[in-house]
Amino acid sequence: MNVLSIIIGILLVICGFSCMFTPIATFLATGYYLLILLLVYGIFGIIRYFQKQSTPLNLIVSILAVIVGILCLIYPGTSLEINGLILKLIAVWLIIQGVVNIVTSVSAREEQKGWGWGVFVGILGILVGIYSFAHPGVEALTIGVLIGLYFVEAGFDMIVMGSAIGAAKKQMKEVEAEAEKK
């Protein structure tokens, strides 16, 4: 298992650098990944319903997820529309998160000394959200690079974990061999 973990980690690092060097292509592929995730989510939701683990409302949502996923895979242009929607949703999320940061920080100003930093971060979030609306290409680049960074980090994590498991197994064998000698 530790060798497999190291191999997968190396592949993730390679994929991560590939994503960082081609951020727009990476971003454009996210629409397809989301569609596949939508299909998987829907299929598992339907299975959960028939195993009596969810409600009829969850079944309806799952069926809709499968239908939308299939339709989007059949009509390739919808992937680009989903990518555009992703950009808008992230921009809206940044603005909402900025407002929440400001409101939370101002309401906690009596209890916290550094409440001004929360306001500053909130204003920054709002500005980044507005900028994302105005320049979606920059946001797409950023998302592609962030996905690449995530893969690189996850890859190094798997390599370290695989190495640690290998070292732990080796140490365990040494302890067992020493115990048998006594």
N, C-alpha and C. Protein backbone atom coordinates (compact mmCIF):
# COMPACT_ATOMS: atom_id res chain seq x y z
N MET A 1 0.82 -1.20 0.00
CA MET A 1 0.00 0.00 0.00
C MET A 1 0.86 1.26 0.00
N ASN A 2 1.99 1.22 0.70
CA ASN A 2 2.82 2.41 0.77
C ASN A 2 3.45 2.74 -0.58
N VAL A 3 3.79 1.71 -1.38
CA VAL A 3 4.35 1.95 -2.71
C VAL A 3 3.27 2.55 -3.61
N LEU A 4 2.06 2.03 -3.52
CA LEU A 4 0.95 2.56 -4.31
C LEU A 4 0.67 4.02 -3.92
N SER A 5 0.72 4.31 -2.64
CA SER A 5 0.51 5.68 -2.17
C SER A 5 1.58 6.62 -2.73
N ILE A 6 2.81 6.17 -2.74
CA ILE A 6 3.90 7.00 -3.27
C ILE A 6 3.72 7.21 -4.77
N ILE A 7 3.33 6.16 -5.50
CA ILE A 7 3.12 6.27 -6.95
C ILE A 7 1.98 7.24 -7.25
N ILE A 8 0.87 7.09 -6.53
CA ILE A 8 -0.26 8.01 -6.72
C ILE A 8 0.15 9.44 -6.36
N GLY A 9 0.92 9.59 -5.31
CA GLY A 9 1.40 10.91 -4.92
C GLY A 9 2.25 11.55 -6.01
N ILE A 10 3.14 10.77 -6.61
CA ILE A 10 3.98 11.30 -7.69
C ILE A 10 3.11 11.70 -8.88
N LEU A 11 2.11 10.88 -9.20
CA LEU A 11 1.21 11.22 -10.31
C LEU A 11 0.42 12.49 -10.01
N LEU A 12 -0.02 12.64 -8.77
CA LEU A 12 -0.74 13.87 -8.39
C LEU A 12 0.15 15.10 -8.52
N VAL A 13 1.40 14.98 -8.11
CA VAL A 13 2.33 16.11 -8.22
C VAL A 13 2.52 16.47 -9.70
N ILE A 14 2.71 15.47 -10.54
CA ILE A 14 2.88 15.73 -11.98
C ILE A 14 1.62 16.40 -12.54
N CYS A 15 0.45 15.87 -12.19
CA CYS A 15 -0.81 16.47 -12.66
C CYS A 15 -0.97 17.89 -12.13
N GLY A 16 -0.56 18.11 -10.89
CA GLY A 16 -0.66 19.44 -10.31
C GLY A 16 0.18 20.46 -11.06
N PHE A 17 1.42 20.08 -11.37
CA PHE A 17 2.26 21.02 -12.14
C PHE A 17 1.69 21.22 -13.54
N SER A 18 1.14 20.17 -14.13
CA SER A 18 0.50 20.30 -15.43
C SER A 18 -0.66 21.29 -15.36
N CYS A 19 -1.48 21.20 -14.30
CA CYS A 19 -2.59 22.13 -14.12
C CYS A 19 -2.11 23.56 -13.94
N MET A 20 -1.02 23.73 -13.18
CA MET A 20 -0.51 25.09 -12.94
C MET A 20 0.07 25.70 -14.22
N PHE A 21 0.64 24.86 -15.09
CA PHE A 21 1.22 25.40 -16.32
C PHE A 21 0.18 25.62 -17.41
N THR A 22 -1.01 25.02 -17.24
CA THR A 22 -2.12 25.21 -18.19
C THR A 22 -3.40 25.55 -17.42
N PRO A 23 -3.42 26.69 -16.74
CA PRO A 23 -4.56 26.98 -15.85
C PRO A 23 -5.90 27.16 -16.56
N ILE A 24 -5.89 27.72 -17.76
CA ILE A 24 -7.16 27.92 -18.47
C ILE A 24 -7.74 26.57 -18.89
N ALA A 25 -6.90 25.68 -19.42
CA ALA A 25 -7.36 24.35 -19.79
C ALA A 25 -7.88 23.60 -18.57
N THR A 26 -7.20 23.77 -17.45
CA THR A 26 -7.64 23.14 -16.20
C THR A 26 -9.01 23.67 -15.81
N PHE A 27 -9.17 24.97 -15.86
CA PHE A 27 -10.45 25.55 -15.50
C PHE A 27 -11.55 25.07 -16.43
N LEU A 28 -11.27 25.01 -17.72
CA LEU A 28 -12.29 24.58 -18.67
C LEU A 28 -12.70 23.13 -18.43
N ALA A 29 -11.80 22.32 -17.92
CA ALA A 29 -12.13 20.92 -17.64
C ALA A 29 -12.98 20.77 -16.39
N THR A 30 -13.00 21.78 -15.51
CA THR A 30 -13.76 21.65 -14.27
C THR A 30 -15.24 21.48 -14.53
N GLY A 31 -15.76 22.06 -15.60
CA GLY A 31 -17.17 21.89 -15.94
C GLY A 31 -17.52 20.43 -16.16
N TYR A 32 -16.66 19.72 -16.88
CA TYR A 32 -16.90 18.30 -17.11
C TYR A 32 -16.81 17.50 -15.81
N TYR A 33 -15.86 17.82 -14.96
CA TYR A 33 -15.74 17.12 -13.69
C TYR A 33 -16.98 17.34 -12.83
N LEU A 34 -17.49 18.57 -12.83
CA LEU A 34 -18.69 18.85 -12.05
C LEU A 34 -19.89 18.08 -12.60
N LEU A 35 -19.97 17.96 -13.92
CA LEU A 35 -21.07 17.20 -14.51
C LEU A 35 -20.98 15.73 -14.12
N ILE A 36 -19.79 15.19 -14.13
CA ILE A 36 -19.61 13.78 -13.73
C ILE A 36 -19.95 13.62 -12.26
N LEU A 37 -19.52 14.58 -11.43
CA LEU A 37 -19.87 14.53 -10.01
C LEU A 37 -21.38 14.62 -9.80
N LEU A 38 -22.04 15.43 -10.62
CA LEU A 38 -23.49 15.56 -10.55
C LEU A 38 -24.16 14.22 -10.86
N LEU A 39 -23.67 13.55 -11.89
CA LEU A 39 -24.20 12.24 -12.24
C LEU A 39 -23.99 11.24 -11.11
N VAL A 40 -22.79 11.19 -10.57
CA VAL A 40 -22.48 10.25 -9.49
C VAL A 40 -23.34 10.57 -8.27
N TYR A 41 -23.46 11.85 -7.93
CA TYR A 41 -24.30 12.26 -6.81
C TYR A 41 -25.73 11.79 -7.01
N GLY A 42 -26.26 12.01 -8.20
CA GLY A 42 -27.63 11.61 -8.49
C GLY A 42 -27.83 10.11 -8.41
N ILE A 43 -26.91 9.35 -8.98
CA ILE A 43 -27.03 7.89 -8.97
C ILE A 43 -26.99 7.37 -7.54
N PHE A 44 -26.05 7.85 -6.74
CA PHE A 44 -25.96 7.39 -5.35
C PHE A 44 -27.16 7.86 -4.53
N GLY A 45 -27.71 9.02 -4.87
CA GLY A 45 -28.92 9.49 -4.19
C GLY A 45 -30.10 8.59 -4.47
N ILE A 46 -30.23 8.14 -5.71
CA ILE A 46 -31.31 7.21 -6.07
C ILE A 46 -31.12 5.88 -5.33
N ILE A 47 -29.89 5.40 -5.30
CA ILE A 47 -29.60 4.15 -4.59
C ILE A 47 -29.94 4.29 -3.10
N ARG A 48 -29.55 5.42 -2.50
CA ARG A 48 -29.85 5.65 -1.07
C ARG A 48 -31.36 5.64 -0.81
N TYR A 49 -32.12 6.22 -1.75
CA TYR A 49 -33.57 6.25 -1.57
C TYR A 49 -34.14 4.83 -1.55
N PHE A 50 -33.72 4.00 -2.49
CA PHE A 50 -34.25 2.64 -2.56
C PHE A 50 -33.72 1.75 -1.43
N GLN A 51 -32.66 2.17 -0.78
CA GLN A 51 -32.19 1.46 0.41
C GLN A 51 -32.87 2.02 1.67
N LYS A 52 -33.86 2.89 1.45
CA LYS A 52 -34.65 3.50 2.54
C LYS A 52 -33.80 4.38 3.44
N GLN A 53 -32.78 5.05 2.85
CA GLN A 53 -31.91 5.92 3.65
C GLN A 53 -32.12 7.40 3.35
N SER A 54 -33.12 7.74 2.52
CA SER A 54 -33.37 9.15 2.24
C SER A 54 -34.85 9.37 1.98
N THR A 55 -35.21 10.62 1.78
CA THR A 55 -36.62 11.02 1.63
C THR A 55 -37.00 11.11 0.16
N PRO A 56 -38.31 11.20 -0.13
CA PRO A 56 -38.75 11.37 -1.52
C PRO A 56 -38.21 12.67 -2.14
N LEU A 57 -38.05 13.71 -1.34
CA LEU A 57 -37.49 14.96 -1.87
C LEU A 57 -36.05 14.74 -2.34
N ASN A 58 -35.28 13.97 -1.58
CA ASN A 58 -33.91 13.64 -2.01
C ASN A 58 -33.92 12.83 -3.30
N LEU A 59 -34.92 11.95 -3.46
CA LEU A 59 -35.03 11.17 -4.69
C LEU A 59 -35.27 12.10 -5.89
N ILE A 60 -36.16 13.06 -5.71
CA ILE A 60 -36.45 14.00 -6.81
C ILE A 60 -35.20 14.79 -7.18
N VAL A 61 -34.48 15.29 -6.18
CA VAL A 61 -33.25 16.04 -6.44
C VAL A 61 -32.22 15.15 -7.14
N SER A 62 -32.12 13.91 -6.71
CA SER A 62 -31.16 12.98 -7.32
C SER A 62 -31.52 12.68 -8.76
N ILE A 63 -32.80 12.48 -9.04
CA ILE A 63 -33.22 12.23 -10.42
C ILE A 63 -32.93 13.45 -11.28
N LEU A 64 -33.21 14.63 -10.76
CA LEU A 64 -32.91 15.86 -11.51
C LEU A 64 -31.41 16.00 -11.76
N ALA A 65 -30.59 15.62 -10.78
CA ALA A 65 -29.14 15.69 -10.95
C ALA A 65 -28.69 14.77 -12.07
N VAL A 66 -29.24 13.57 -12.13
CA VAL A 66 -28.88 12.63 -13.20
C VAL A 66 -29.33 13.17 -14.55
N ILE A 67 -30.54 13.70 -14.62
CA ILE A 67 -31.06 14.24 -15.89
C ILE A 67 -30.20 15.40 -16.37
N VAL A 68 -29.90 16.35 -15.46
CA VAL A 68 -29.08 17.50 -15.82
C VAL A 68 -27.68 17.04 -16.24
N GLY A 69 -27.11 16.10 -15.50
CA GLY A 69 -25.79 15.58 -15.84
C GLY A 69 -25.75 14.95 -17.22
N ILE A 70 -26.75 14.14 -17.53
CA ILE A 70 -26.80 13.49 -18.85
C ILE A 70 -27.00 14.52 -19.95
N LEU A 71 -27.93 15.44 -19.75
CA LEU A 71 -28.18 16.47 -20.77
C LEU A 71 -26.94 17.32 -21.03
N CYS A 72 -26.24 17.66 -19.97
CA CYS A 72 -25.04 18.49 -20.14
C CYS A 72 -23.92 17.73 -20.83
N LEU A 73 -23.83 16.43 -20.60
CA LEU A 73 -22.81 15.65 -21.30
C LEU A 73 -23.17 15.44 -22.77
N ILE A 74 -24.47 15.40 -23.07
CA ILE A 74 -24.91 15.23 -24.45
C ILE A 74 -24.67 16.51 -25.25
N TYR A 75 -24.93 17.65 -24.63
CA TYR A 75 -24.75 18.94 -25.29
C TYR A 75 -23.47 19.59 -24.76
N PRO A 76 -22.35 19.49 -25.50
CA PRO A 76 -21.05 19.93 -24.98
C PRO A 76 -20.96 21.41 -24.63
N GLY A 77 -21.74 22.26 -25.25
CA GLY A 77 -21.67 23.69 -24.97
C GLY A 77 -22.08 24.02 -23.55
N THR A 78 -22.83 23.14 -22.92
CA THR A 78 -23.27 23.42 -21.56
C THR A 78 -22.12 23.41 -20.57
N SER A 79 -21.04 22.71 -20.88
CA SER A 79 -19.87 22.70 -19.99
C SER A 79 -19.30 24.11 -19.87
N LEU A 80 -19.25 24.84 -20.97
CA LEU A 80 -18.76 26.22 -20.93
C LEU A 80 -19.71 27.11 -20.12
N GLU A 81 -21.00 26.86 -20.26
CA GLU A 81 -21.97 27.63 -19.49
C GLU A 81 -21.81 27.34 -17.99
N ILE A 82 -21.55 26.10 -17.67
CA ILE A 82 -21.33 25.75 -16.26
C ILE A 82 -20.06 26.42 -15.75
N ASN A 83 -19.02 26.48 -16.57
CA ASN A 83 -17.80 27.17 -16.16
C ASN A 83 -18.08 28.64 -15.90
N GLY A 84 -18.87 29.27 -16.76
CA GLY A 84 -19.24 30.66 -16.55
C GLY A 84 -20.04 30.84 -15.28
N LEU A 85 -20.93 29.89 -15.02
CA LEU A 85 -21.73 29.93 -13.79
C LEU A 85 -20.83 29.79 -12.57
N ILE A 86 -19.83 28.92 -12.67
CA ILE A 86 -18.88 28.74 -11.56
C ILE A 86 -18.20 30.07 -11.24
N LEU A 87 -17.76 30.77 -12.29
CA LEU A 87 -17.09 32.06 -12.07
C LEU A 87 -18.01 33.05 -11.37
N LYS A 88 -19.26 33.11 -11.82
CA LYS A 88 -20.22 34.05 -11.20
C LYS A 88 -20.52 33.66 -9.76
N LEU A 89 -20.67 32.36 -9.51
CA LEU A 89 -20.97 31.91 -8.15
C LEU A 89 -19.81 32.21 -7.20
N ILE A 90 -18.60 32.01 -7.67
CA ILE A 90 -17.44 32.30 -6.82
C ILE A 90 -17.37 33.80 -6.53
N ALA A 91 -17.63 34.62 -7.55
CA ALA A 91 -17.61 36.07 -7.35
C ALA A 91 -18.68 36.49 -6.34
N VAL A 92 -19.87 35.94 -6.47
CA VAL A 92 -20.95 36.25 -5.53
C VAL A 92 -20.57 35.77 -4.13
N TRP A 93 -20.01 34.56 -4.04
CA TRP A 93 -19.60 34.04 -2.74
C TRP A 93 -18.56 34.95 -2.09
N LEU A 94 -17.60 35.43 -2.86
CA LEU A 94 -16.58 36.33 -2.31
C LEU A 94 -17.21 37.60 -1.75
N ILE A 95 -18.17 38.16 -2.47
CA ILE A 95 -18.84 39.38 -2.02
C ILE A 95 -19.64 39.11 -0.75
N ILE A 96 -20.41 38.01 -0.74
CA ILE A 96 -21.22 37.68 0.44
C ILE A 96 -20.32 37.40 1.64
N GLN A 97 -19.24 36.66 1.41
CA GLN A 97 -18.31 36.36 2.50
C GLN A 97 -17.67 37.64 3.04
N GLY A 98 -17.37 38.58 2.15
CA GLY A 98 -16.83 39.86 2.59
C GLY A 98 -17.80 40.62 3.46
N VAL A 99 -19.06 40.65 3.06
CA VAL A 99 -20.09 41.33 3.86
C VAL A 99 -20.24 40.65 5.22
N VAL A 100 -20.25 39.31 5.23
CA VAL A 100 -20.37 38.57 6.49
C VAL A 100 -19.18 38.87 7.40
N ASN A 101 -17.97 38.93 6.82
CA ASN A 101 -16.78 39.26 7.62
C ASN A 101 -16.91 40.64 8.25
N ILE A 102 -17.37 41.60 7.47
CA ILE A 102 -17.52 42.96 7.99
C ILE A 102 -18.54 43.00 9.11
N VAL A 103 -19.71 42.41 8.88
CA VAL A 103 -20.78 42.44 9.89
C VAL A 103 -20.33 41.72 11.16
N THR A 104 -19.69 40.55 11.01
CA THR A 104 -19.22 39.79 12.17
C THR A 104 -18.17 40.57 12.95
N SER A 105 -17.25 41.18 12.24
CA SER A 105 -16.18 41.93 12.91
C SER A 105 -16.70 43.15 13.63
N VAL A 106 -17.60 43.88 12.98
CA VAL A 106 -18.16 45.09 13.61
C VAL A 106 -18.99 44.72 14.82
N SER A 107 -19.75 43.62 14.74
CA SER A 107 -20.58 43.23 15.88
C SER A 107 -19.73 42.71 17.05
N ALA A 108 -18.52 42.25 16.76
CA ALA A 108 -17.65 41.74 17.83
C ALA A 108 -16.58 42.74 18.24
N ARG A 109 -16.72 44.00 17.85
CA ARG A 109 -15.66 44.98 18.12
C ARG A 109 -15.45 45.23 19.60
N GLU A 110 -16.48 45.04 20.43
CA GLU A 110 -16.32 45.26 21.87
C GLU A 110 -15.58 44.10 22.54
N GLU A 111 -15.71 42.89 21.99
CA GLU A 111 -15.06 41.72 22.58
C GLU A 111 -13.66 41.48 22.03
N GLN A 112 -13.40 41.92 20.82
CA GLN A 112 -12.12 41.63 20.17
C GLN A 112 -11.33 42.90 19.94
N LYS A 113 -10.03 42.80 20.18
CA LYS A 113 -9.16 43.95 19.93
C LYS A 113 -8.87 44.12 18.45
N GLY A 114 -8.64 43.03 17.72
CA GLY A 114 -8.24 43.12 16.31
C GLY A 114 -9.40 43.06 15.34
N TRP A 115 -10.56 43.58 15.72
CA TRP A 115 -11.74 43.50 14.88
C TRP A 115 -11.56 44.25 13.55
N GLY A 116 -10.69 45.22 13.53
CA GLY A 116 -10.45 46.00 12.31
C GLY A 116 -9.89 45.15 11.18
N TRP A 117 -9.09 44.12 11.54
CA TRP A 117 -8.56 43.23 10.51
C TRP A 117 -9.68 42.46 9.82
N GLY A 118 -10.70 42.07 10.57
CA GLY A 118 -11.85 41.39 9.97
C GLY A 118 -12.58 42.28 8.99
N VAL A 119 -12.69 43.56 9.34
CA VAL A 119 -13.32 44.52 8.42
C VAL A 119 -12.45 44.68 7.17
N PHE A 120 -11.15 44.76 7.38
CA PHE A 120 -10.22 44.89 6.25
C PHE A 120 -10.32 43.69 5.30
N VAL A 121 -10.32 42.48 5.87
CA VAL A 121 -10.43 41.27 5.06
C VAL A 121 -11.79 41.23 4.35
N GLY A 122 -12.84 41.67 5.02
CA GLY A 122 -14.16 41.72 4.40
C GLY A 122 -14.20 42.67 3.21
N ILE A 123 -13.61 43.85 3.37
CA ILE A 123 -13.55 44.81 2.27
C ILE A 123 -12.74 44.23 1.12
N LEU A 124 -11.64 43.58 1.45
CA LEU A 124 -10.81 42.92 0.42
C LEU A 124 -11.61 41.87 -0.32
N GLY A 125 -12.38 41.07 0.40
CA GLY A 125 -13.22 40.04 -0.23
C GLY A 125 -14.23 40.63 -1.18
N ILE A 126 -14.86 41.72 -0.77
CA ILE A 126 -15.84 42.39 -1.63
C ILE A 126 -15.15 42.91 -2.89
N LEU A 127 -13.99 43.54 -2.73
CA LEU A 127 -13.27 44.07 -3.89
C LEU A 127 -12.84 42.95 -4.85
N VAL A 128 -12.38 41.84 -4.30
CA VAL A 128 -11.98 40.71 -5.15
C VAL A 128 -13.19 40.14 -5.88
N GLY A 129 -14.33 40.08 -5.19
CA GLY A 129 -15.56 39.60 -5.84
C GLY A 129 -15.99 40.50 -6.98
N ILE A 130 -15.94 41.80 -6.76
CA ILE A 130 -16.30 42.76 -7.81
C ILE A 130 -15.31 42.66 -8.97
N TYR A 131 -14.03 42.54 -8.66
CA TYR A 131 -13.01 42.39 -9.70
C TYR A 131 -13.24 41.11 -10.50
N SER A 132 -13.67 40.05 -9.81
CA SER A 132 -13.93 38.78 -10.49
C SER A 132 -15.08 38.91 -11.48
N PHE A 133 -16.09 39.71 -11.13
CA PHE A 133 -17.18 39.95 -12.07
C PHE A 133 -16.66 40.70 -13.30
N ALA A 134 -15.79 41.67 -13.07
CA ALA A 134 -15.30 42.51 -14.17
C ALA A 134 -14.27 41.79 -15.03
N HIS A 135 -13.47 40.89 -14.45
CA HIS A 135 -12.40 40.21 -15.17
C HIS A 135 -12.44 38.70 -14.90
N PRO A 136 -13.41 38.00 -15.50
CA PRO A 136 -13.54 36.57 -15.23
C PRO A 136 -12.34 35.75 -15.72
N GLY A 137 -11.61 36.25 -16.69
CA GLY A 137 -10.43 35.51 -17.19
C GLY A 137 -9.36 35.37 -16.13
N VAL A 138 -9.16 36.42 -15.35
CA VAL A 138 -8.17 36.38 -14.27
C VAL A 138 -8.61 35.37 -13.22
N GLU A 139 -9.90 35.37 -12.93
CA GLU A 139 -10.43 34.42 -11.96
C GLU A 139 -10.26 32.98 -12.47
N ALA A 140 -10.50 32.76 -13.76
CA ALA A 140 -10.32 31.41 -14.34
C ALA A 140 -8.87 30.97 -14.22
N LEU A 141 -7.93 31.89 -14.48
CA LEU A 141 -6.50 31.58 -14.31
C LEU A 141 -6.20 31.19 -12.86
N THR A 142 -6.74 31.97 -11.95
CA THR A 142 -6.49 31.73 -10.53
C THR A 142 -7.03 30.37 -10.11
N ILE A 143 -8.23 30.05 -10.56
CA ILE A 143 -8.84 28.77 -10.19
C ILE A 143 -8.00 27.62 -10.74
N GLY A 144 -7.54 27.73 -11.99
CA GLY A 144 -6.70 26.69 -12.57
C GLY A 144 -5.41 26.48 -11.79
N VAL A 145 -4.79 27.57 -11.39
CA VAL A 145 -3.55 27.48 -10.61
C VAL A 145 -3.83 26.89 -9.23
N LEU A 146 -4.94 27.29 -8.59
CA LEU A 146 -5.28 26.76 -7.27
C LEU A 146 -5.56 25.26 -7.32
N ILE A 147 -6.22 24.81 -8.38
CA ILE A 147 -6.46 23.37 -8.53
C ILE A 147 -5.11 22.65 -8.65
N GLY A 148 -4.21 23.22 -9.44
CA GLY A 148 -2.87 22.63 -9.57
C GLY A 148 -2.13 22.58 -8.25
N LEU A 149 -2.20 23.67 -7.48
CA LEU A 149 -1.54 23.70 -6.17
C LEU A 149 -2.13 22.65 -5.23
N TYR A 150 -3.45 22.48 -5.31
CA TYR A 150 -4.08 21.46 -4.47
C TYR A 150 -3.56 20.07 -4.83
N PHE A 151 -3.47 19.77 -6.13
CA PHE A 151 -2.96 18.46 -6.55
C PHE A 151 -1.52 18.25 -6.09
N VAL A 152 -0.69 19.29 -6.22
CA VAL A 152 0.71 19.17 -5.79
C VAL A 152 0.76 18.90 -4.28
N GLU A 153 -0.01 19.65 -3.52
CA GLU A 153 -0.03 19.46 -2.07
C GLU A 153 -0.53 18.07 -1.71
N ALA A 154 -1.61 17.63 -2.34
CA ALA A 154 -2.15 16.30 -2.06
C ALA A 154 -1.15 15.22 -2.46
N GLY A 155 -0.44 15.43 -3.57
CA GLY A 155 0.56 14.47 -4.01
C GLY A 155 1.70 14.34 -3.03
N PHE A 156 2.24 15.47 -2.57
CA PHE A 156 3.32 15.43 -1.58
C PHE A 156 2.83 14.79 -0.28
N ASP A 157 1.58 15.06 0.08
CA ASP A 157 1.00 14.46 1.28
C ASP A 157 0.96 12.92 1.15
N MET A 158 0.55 12.44 -0.02
CA MET A 158 0.49 10.99 -0.24
C MET A 158 1.89 10.39 -0.23
N ILE A 159 2.87 11.09 -0.80
CA ILE A 159 4.25 10.59 -0.82
C ILE A 159 4.78 10.49 0.62
N VAL A 160 4.55 11.53 1.40
CA VAL A 160 5.01 11.53 2.78
C VAL A 160 4.31 10.43 3.58
N MET A 161 3.00 10.30 3.39
CA MET A 161 2.26 9.26 4.12
C MET A 161 2.73 7.87 3.72
N GLY A 162 2.95 7.66 2.42
CA GLY A 162 3.46 6.36 1.96
C GLY A 162 4.83 6.05 2.52
N SER A 163 5.68 7.05 2.58
CA SER A 163 7.02 6.87 3.15
C SER A 163 6.94 6.59 4.64
N ALA A 164 6.04 7.31 5.32
CA ALA A 164 5.90 7.11 6.77
C ALA A 164 5.36 5.72 7.07
N ILE A 165 4.44 5.24 6.25
CA ILE A 165 3.90 3.89 6.46
C ILE A 165 5.01 2.87 6.26
N GLY A 166 5.80 3.07 5.21
CA GLY A 166 6.92 2.15 4.96
C GLY A 166 7.92 2.15 6.10
N ALA A 167 8.24 3.32 6.61
CA ALA A 167 9.19 3.42 7.72
C ALA A 167 8.60 2.78 8.98
N ALA A 168 7.31 2.98 9.22
CA ALA A 168 6.67 2.41 10.40
C ALA A 168 6.65 0.88 10.32
N LYS A 169 6.37 0.35 9.13
CA LYS A 169 6.38 -1.11 8.95
C LYS A 169 7.77 -1.68 9.19
N LYS A 170 8.77 -0.99 8.69
CA LYS A 170 10.16 -1.45 8.87
C LYS A 170 10.52 -1.44 10.35
N GLN A 171 10.15 -0.37 11.04
CA GLN A 171 10.45 -0.27 12.47
C GLN A 171 9.69 -1.34 13.25
N MET A 172 8.46 -1.63 12.84
CA MET A 172 7.66 -2.65 13.52
C MET A 172 8.31 -4.03 13.36
N LYS A 173 8.82 -4.32 12.16
CA LYS A 173 9.50 -5.60 11.92
C LYS A 173 10.76 -5.72 12.78
N GLU A 174 11.50 -4.61 12.91
CA GLU A 174 12.70 -4.62 13.74
C GLU A 174 12.35 -4.88 15.20
N VAL A 175 11.27 -4.28 15.68
CA VAL A 175 10.86 -4.48 17.07
C VAL A 175 10.42 -5.93 17.28
N GLU A 176 9.67 -6.48 16.30
CA GLU A 176 9.24 -7.88 16.41
C GLU A 176 10.42 -8.83 16.38
N ALA A 177 11.40 -8.57 15.51
CA ALA A 177 12.57 -9.42 15.43
C ALA A 177 13.37 -9.36 16.74
N GLU A 178 13.47 -8.17 17.32
CA GLU A 178 14.18 -8.03 18.59
C GLU A 178 13.43 -8.73 19.72
N ALA A 179 12.10 -8.69 19.68
CA ALA A 179 11.29 -9.35 20.71
C ALA A 179 11.44 -10.87 20.61
N GLU A 180 11.55 -11.39 19.39
CA GLU A 180 11.71 -12.83 19.20
C GLU A 180 13.06 -13.32 19.71
N LYS A 181 14.08 -12.46 19.65
CA LYS A 181 15.41 -12.84 20.12
C LYS A 181 15.44 -13.03 21.63
N LYS A 182 14.59 -12.31 22.32
CA LYS A 182 14.60 -12.35 23.79
C LYS A 182 13.79 -13.48 24.30
